[in-house]
Amino acid sequence: MPTGKLFLLLGWHLVLTGLPPIAAALFAARCGLRSVSILLAIALGVSGVVAMLAFWMYYTEPFVGETYAFFVFIGSIGLAAWSLWGRKIDPGLLRDLATPFALWVLGTVFLVFFGFLHGGADGPITTATTRFSHPLPLDNDIPFFFSDWFFHHGHQGTPPMFVGGWLSSDRPPLQVGYVLSQRIFGWDGSGLHYQVLGVALQQLWIVGLWALLLAARVGRMTRALVMVTVLVSAVAIVNGFFVWPKLLPAAMLLAAAAVLITPLWQELRRSLWAAALVAALFGLAMLSHGSSIFGIIPLVLIAALRGLPSWRWLGVAALVGVALMAPWSVYQSSGDPPGNRLTKWMLGGVEQIDERGTGEAIVDSYREAGLGGTVENKLDNFAAMTGEGVFANNVEEVVDGIGEANVEQSVRSLRQIFFFYLVPSLGLLLLGPLAMGVAWRRRAELDRSEWTFALTCIAAFVIGAIGWGLILFGPPAARPTIHVGSYLLPILGLCGCVVSLRACFPRFAGYFVTLNALLMLALYVPALEPPLDTAYSPLAALLSAGALAGFIAVALTNTLARRWSG
């Protein structure tokens, strides 16, 4: 496809994806909310709820789903226009809200054209499996496959199995809902519409992370460095273009983190509407990918340590969570049973499909492993997060590639390190926590708010990793590589590393983080397995570079530098 047409297609899906959350944020602002962080969290929550309703409307009857999709489109435009009518919203607040959505647009444009830098738009789903990594499975195609069924059939009949025996009930449906909500407005058979929409959805982490950084009250430069670091990280590049629904739930969890692990919590733990918001964000994360539980655990524990909410707060949260999750649970058990393949695999180490229930499979696996085997499995889990011996082999391949001038070998090995291993995925930025130790010993003058936030992010990373290692059954079937867990953890890890550097050595941090960003870009520019009969596109390179430059400029010069979010 010509680059110009791809640009127009991308713009259309950005409009369709952005209308409901923008309308929700504007409406909440007109109703009197002034916290940008909370407005962004509401925007993401409403966006997810609208998508889930689209799924259930199509499941009821395709015609009902199509009618609903048109209603959402027209209704979002009307609600946004009404919210802006009469200038009831402070212009400064509007500018503050515009900043994260502009970053989301620019970040999406950057990644789409960075991904298609060497062509491949004619077979986008296949291109995404090899563009930034070793050949990946077809998990990015699963939401596309099942959205096609529900679009045409609704609840009539049982959806066919995906390649490998995957049922429609095995993977949560949030991304399917987003696809269904937009499909009526333009689609194709190649999957390009789906790919572009998928990138826009995964890049919603930008909105969630911006909400968290504002709520944490970090400085303008720190905020910009964090945003750029995550944008060009392996987590965002690989998993943003390979659109399995794993960064989408991270966006929801980042928005929840803005409430739970920042100064906002002391106020919002007494607000019942905040309970509904947090529960909705948690529920939507779980309805996008079940591994979100490994990100929910550290957020809940840190919030509880900072102050417990009331029983009424917890009750409201429970009701909202059940309302969101119960319909899907019913579908798993009745619509296309059993829907427990991933749970048995991750928690019980049962990779093969069998007739056992989830609890039975988990009990059988632990009984077979025994106490000694279980302890060994958990220790192996924690070793796998550091890369253990495999990481050393990858490093050796990198060094050998450099010595033999084999750039491709070095690039492949580095990409594998960043894709698989949690702690090594932080790369050079692991210097951040070390810098905190040095600064503490020297009793250096520190930025206390950034110091505290860095410690909170690192604590969430560590707590999440511990919970993940203990809950996951263990190798060989359930090995804790990054893509098996919640992507909230590596994002918070990157965030904590950058903020800690800024808190301790502000000027050095700017230079060091910039160097890291340039090295990450250099790592992912090469197309090691380009599609046949393709070449690098100068126009795609120009659009990607321009979007990245725009992202950096907006992050650095945003109007939010003059005010707090709370």
Foldseek 3Di string as FASTA:
>chain_A
DDPVVLVVLLVVLLLLLQLQLLLQLLLVQLVPDFFLLVSLLRSLLRSLVLLVVLLQLLLVPLVSSVVSLVCSNVVSVVSNVVSPPPNSGDPLSVLVNVLLSLLLSLLLLLQVLLLCLFHDLQQQLQSLQFQFANRDDSLLCVLVQVLVVSNPARLNDARDADPPRHGPLQFFHSLNSSCSSCPVVDDDDNCNSVQSSLLSLLSLLSSLQLSQCLLLPDFLVLQLLLSLLVSLALCSNSCSRNRQQFSNLLSLLSSLLSQQQGPNVVVCLAPLVNLLSNLSSLLSSCSRPVLCVLLVVLSVVNSVVVDHHDPSSVVSSVVNNCVSCVVSCCCAVPSIPDNCQLLLCFQQVDNDDDDDDSVVSNVVSDVVCDPVNQVVQLVQQVCQLQVNPVLVVLVVQLVVCVVVVNVVSNLNSVSVQLQWHQVCVLPPLVVLVVLLVVCVVVVHQFDVSLLSLLVSLVSSLVSSSSVSSNRTRGPDRHHPTPVSHHPNNSSSVNSSSLSSCCGRPNVVSVVVSVVVSVVSSVSSSDRPDRDPPTGRDPVSVVSSVVSSVVSSVSSNDRPCSVDRSD
